[in-house]
Amino acid sequence: MVALGEAQREGDAQRLGRGAHRLLSATQNIGAVRMSALCAELERHCRAGELAPAAALIAQLALEHERVNAALLAARIRY
């Protein structure tokens, strides 16, 4: 998440797109559907060179990241 924010602030669409793609793969592996969809959307915008929506998408990703982490921690405690 930190790397995505840095790439967005630096206006580096290529690095941001690569980071979104890596995070997309990881979120798909754990079944974080909403987070995966946000990553895919961010990656699409980066490929098109559209950085305007990046800040809002990263903010949404950060919120979803917190929710997913909480869910994973809760599941770990249960088992």
Protein backbone atom coordinates (compact mmCIF):
# COMPACT_ATOMS: atom_id res chain seq x y z
CA MET A 1 0.00 0.00 0.00
CA VAL A 2 2.85 2.36 0.81
CA ALA A 3 4.50 1.74 -2.57
CA LEU A 4 1.22 2.48 -4.36
CA GLY A 5 0.92 5.81 -2.59
CA GLU A 6 4.52 6.71 -3.38
CA ALA A 7 4.13 5.85 -7.06
CA GLN A 8 0.92 7.86 -7.25
CA ARG A 9 2.50 10.91 -5.61
CA GLU A 10 5.47 10.67 -7.98
CA GLY A 11 3.16 10.33 -11.00
CA ASP A 12 4.75 7.03 -12.00
CA ALA A 13 1.93 5.25 -13.83
CA GLN A 14 4.09 2.29 -14.80
CA ARG A 15 5.25 1.56 -11.25
CA LEU A 16 1.75 2.17 -9.91
CA GLY A 17 0.28 -0.25 -12.44
CA ARG A 18 2.84 -2.94 -11.58
CA GLY A 19 2.10 -2.52 -7.88
CA ALA A 20 -1.63 -2.72 -8.49
CA HIS A 21 -1.12 -5.88 -10.53
CA ARG A 22 0.95 -7.55 -7.79
CA LEU A 23 -1.61 -6.62 -5.17
CA LEU A 24 -4.39 -7.85 -7.48
CA SER A 25 -2.77 -11.28 -7.65
CA ALA A 26 -2.35 -11.47 -3.88
CA THR A 27 -5.91 -10.38 -3.16
CA GLN A 28 -7.31 -12.88 -5.64
CA ASN A 29 -5.37 -15.65 -3.86
CA ILE A 30 -7.05 -14.87 -0.53
CA GLY A 31 -10.51 -14.17 -1.93
CA ALA A 32 -10.57 -10.44 -1.19
CA VAL A 33 -13.02 -9.73 -4.02
CA ARG A 34 -13.64 -6.01 -3.43
CA MET A 35 -9.94 -5.31 -3.02
CA SER A 36 -9.19 -7.27 -6.20
CA ALA A 37 -11.74 -5.23 -8.14
CA LEU A 38 -10.20 -1.97 -6.93
CA CYS A 39 -6.73 -3.18 -7.91
CA ALA A 40 -7.96 -4.17 -11.37
CA GLU A 41 -9.57 -0.76 -11.84
CA LEU A 42 -6.40 1.01 -10.73
CA GLU A 43 -4.30 -1.12 -13.07
CA ARG A 44 -6.61 -0.34 -16.02
CA HIS A 45 -6.32 3.40 -15.38
CA CYS A 46 -2.54 3.17 -15.15
CA ARG A 47 -2.29 1.29 -18.43
CA ALA A 48 -4.34 4.05 -20.05
CA GLY A 49 -2.07 6.67 -18.49
CA GLU A 50 -4.95 8.07 -16.43
CA LEU A 51 -3.58 8.99 -13.03
CA ALA A 52 -6.42 11.33 -12.00
CA PRO A 53 -8.52 8.55 -10.38
CA ALA A 54 -5.50 6.96 -8.66
CA ALA A 55 -5.64 8.89 -5.37
CA ALA A 56 -9.30 8.06 -4.77
CA LEU A 57 -8.78 4.40 -5.68
CA ILE A 58 -5.77 4.12 -3.37
CA ALA A 59 -7.82 5.65 -0.55
CA GLN A 60 -10.56 3.07 -1.16
CA LEU A 61 -7.92 0.33 -1.29
CA ALA A 62 -6.50 1.46 2.04
CA LEU A 63 -9.92 1.20 3.68
CA GLU A 64 -10.56 -2.19 2.13
CA HIS A 65 -7.07 -3.32 3.15
CA GLU A 66 -7.89 -2.53 6.77
CA ARG A 67 -11.18 -4.44 6.51
CA VAL A 68 -9.49 -7.48 4.94
CA ASN A 69 -6.70 -7.47 7.53
CA ALA A 70 -9.27 -7.33 10.35
CA ALA A 71 -11.17 -10.25 8.82
CA LEU A 72 -8.00 -12.31 8.44
CA LEU A 73 -6.96 -11.61 12.01
CA ALA A 74 -10.41 -12.56 13.29
CA ALA A 75 -10.30 -15.81 11.32
CA ARG A 76 -6.83 -16.58 12.67
CA ILE A 77 -8.00 -16.06 16.25
CA ARG A 78 -10.99 -18.38 15.73
CA TYR A 79 -8.81 -21.19 14.43
